[in-house]
């Protein structure tokens, strides 16, 4: 179990979250250990489940995750945060990376791109 990448998914779109979880769990080296629709729950979930990676939608039900990201990174320095967004704005990507995101991926991208990013950021 030590070689399994533990992942928390924070996504407010119920349909997308329902697709992401089994796709992640289908990978031999990954498990979605928890999911949420609220940014305020991310910190407690990554701590409780000893997650290594958190996949965060930019906009969750309780607001923008960008405002919370610096504190999440500070409170959980070993966690790698991937922003998974429907917004392709380069300025938004720059702000996410400056706030501490390890990667910024578009939801319109291929699932293989997300899987590769999870492995990449977890290996750092």
Protein backbone atom coordinates (compact mmCIF):
# COMPACT_ATOMS: atom_id res chain seq x y z
CA UNK A 1 0.00 0.00 0.00
CA UNK A 2 2.99 2.35 0.44
CA UNK A 3 3.42 2.57 -3.35
CA UNK A 4 -0.16 3.74 -3.81
CA UNK A 5 -0.59 7.47 -4.51
CA UNK A 6 -3.38 8.68 -2.22
CA UNK A 7 -5.50 11.38 -3.85
CA UNK A 8 -8.19 13.78 -2.66
CA UNK A 9 -10.51 15.19 -5.33
CA UNK A 10 -12.21 18.55 -4.76
CA UNK A 11 -14.74 19.04 -7.56
CA UNK A 12 -18.14 20.70 -7.34
CA UNK A 13 -19.49 19.06 -10.50
CA UNK A 14 -21.06 15.83 -9.24
CA UNK A 15 -20.96 14.14 -12.65
CA UNK A 16 -17.28 14.90 -13.21
CA UNK A 17 -16.37 13.81 -9.69
CA UNK A 18 -18.29 10.56 -10.25
CA UNK A 19 -16.19 9.93 -13.37
CA UNK A 20 -12.82 10.96 -11.94
CA UNK A 21 -12.93 8.73 -8.86
CA UNK A 22 -13.27 5.38 -10.68
CA UNK A 23 -10.81 6.43 -13.39
CA UNK A 24 -8.22 7.20 -10.73
CA UNK A 25 -9.01 3.99 -8.84
CA UNK A 26 -8.59 1.96 -12.03
CA UNK A 27 -4.89 2.83 -12.00
CA UNK A 28 -2.76 0.20 -10.26
CA UNK A 29 -0.81 2.82 -8.30
CA UNK A 30 -3.53 5.32 -7.34
CA UNK A 31 -6.50 5.57 -5.01
CA UNK A 32 -9.02 8.35 -4.59
CA UNK A 33 -9.18 8.28 -0.79
CA UNK A 34 -11.71 11.10 -0.41
CA UNK A 35 -13.65 13.71 -2.32
CA UNK A 36 -15.43 16.94 -1.54
CA UNK A 37 -17.30 19.80 -3.14
CA UNK A 38 -15.98 22.41 -0.68
CA UNK A 39 -12.56 24.03 -0.40
CA UNK A 40 -12.73 24.27 3.38
CA UNK A 41 -12.78 20.47 3.57
CA UNK A 42 -9.59 19.93 1.54
CA UNK A 43 -7.11 20.52 4.37
CA UNK A 44 -8.79 18.19 6.86
CA UNK A 45 -9.26 15.49 4.20
CA UNK A 46 -5.64 15.49 3.01
CA UNK A 47 -4.48 15.30 6.62
CA UNK A 48 -6.92 12.58 7.66
CA UNK A 49 -6.21 10.37 4.65
CA UNK A 50 -2.49 11.17 4.41
CA UNK A 51 -2.98 12.15 0.78
CA UNK A 52 -0.01 12.91 -1.43
CA UNK A 53 -1.93 14.72 -4.18
CA UNK A 54 -5.07 16.83 -4.23
CA UNK A 55 -6.89 17.63 -7.45
CA UNK A 56 -8.72 20.92 -7.06
CA UNK A 57 -11.33 22.58 -9.21
CA UNK A 58 -10.75 26.36 -9.33
CA UNK A 59 -14.30 27.14 -8.24
CA UNK A 60 -15.86 25.00 -5.51
CA UNK A 61 -19.24 25.37 -3.82
CA UNK A 62 -17.81 27.61 -1.12
CA UNK A 63 -15.74 29.84 -3.42
CA UNK A 64 -12.46 30.03 -5.28
CA UNK A 65 -9.76 27.62 -4.26
CA UNK A 66 -7.05 30.11 -5.28
CA UNK A 67 -7.66 32.16 -2.14
CA UNK A 68 -7.13 29.04 -0.01
CA UNK A 69 -4.20 27.55 -1.94
CA UNK A 70 -1.31 29.41 -0.25
CA UNK A 71 -2.57 28.38 3.20
CA UNK A 72 -3.14 24.78 2.05
CA UNK A 73 0.40 24.63 0.70
CA UNK A 74 1.77 26.12 3.91
CA UNK A 75 -0.22 23.81 6.17
CA UNK A 76 0.50 20.72 4.05
CA UNK A 77 3.94 21.21 2.46
CA UNK A 78 4.28 17.56 1.41
CA UNK A 79 1.00 17.58 -0.55
CA UNK A 80 1.07 18.41 -4.25
CA UNK A 81 -1.94 20.37 -5.48
CA UNK A 82 -3.12 20.06 -9.07
CA UNK A 83 -5.58 22.65 -10.35
CA UNK A 84 -8.08 21.01 -12.71
CA UNK A 85 -9.97 23.83 -14.37
CA UNK A 86 -12.42 24.52 -17.13
CA UNK A 87 -10.84 27.97 -17.58
CA UNK A 88 -7.94 28.29 -20.02
CA UNK A 89 -7.06 31.88 -19.07
CA UNK A 90 -3.22 32.18 -18.94
CA UNK A 91 -3.47 34.74 -16.13
CA UNK A 92 -5.48 32.29 -14.03
CA UNK A 93 -2.85 29.61 -14.64
CA UNK A 94 -0.09 32.03 -13.61
CA UNK A 95 -1.94 32.92 -10.41
CA UNK A 96 -2.51 29.25 -9.58
CA UNK A 97 1.16 28.40 -10.00
CA UNK A 98 2.20 31.45 -7.96
CA UNK A 99 -0.25 30.39 -5.23
CA UNK A 100 1.47 27.02 -4.99
CA UNK A 101 -0.15 24.68 -7.51
CA UNK A 102 2.22 21.99 -8.74
CA UNK A 103 0.32 21.74 -12.02
CA UNK A 104 -2.55 23.38 -13.87
CA UNK A 105 -4.58 21.19 -16.22
CA UNK A 106 -7.69 21.80 -18.24
CA UNK A 107 -10.77 19.66 -17.74
CA UNK A 108 -11.06 19.47 -21.52
CA UNK A 109 -7.75 17.61 -21.62
CA UNK A 110 -7.32 13.87 -21.88
CA UNK A 111 -7.59 11.77 -18.70
CA UNK A 112 -4.15 10.34 -19.51
CA UNK A 113 -2.74 13.84 -19.11
CA UNK A 114 -4.23 14.08 -15.61
CA UNK A 115 -2.97 10.60 -14.67
CA UNK A 116 0.53 11.50 -15.90
CA UNK A 117 0.46 14.77 -13.93
CA UNK A 118 -0.55 12.91 -10.76
CA UNK A 119 2.40 10.56 -11.12
CA UNK A 120 4.75 13.39 -11.96
CA UNK A 121 3.87 15.65 -9.04
CA UNK A 122 3.75 12.72 -6.59
CA UNK A 123 7.29 11.73 -7.59
CA UNK A 124 8.70 15.14 -6.59
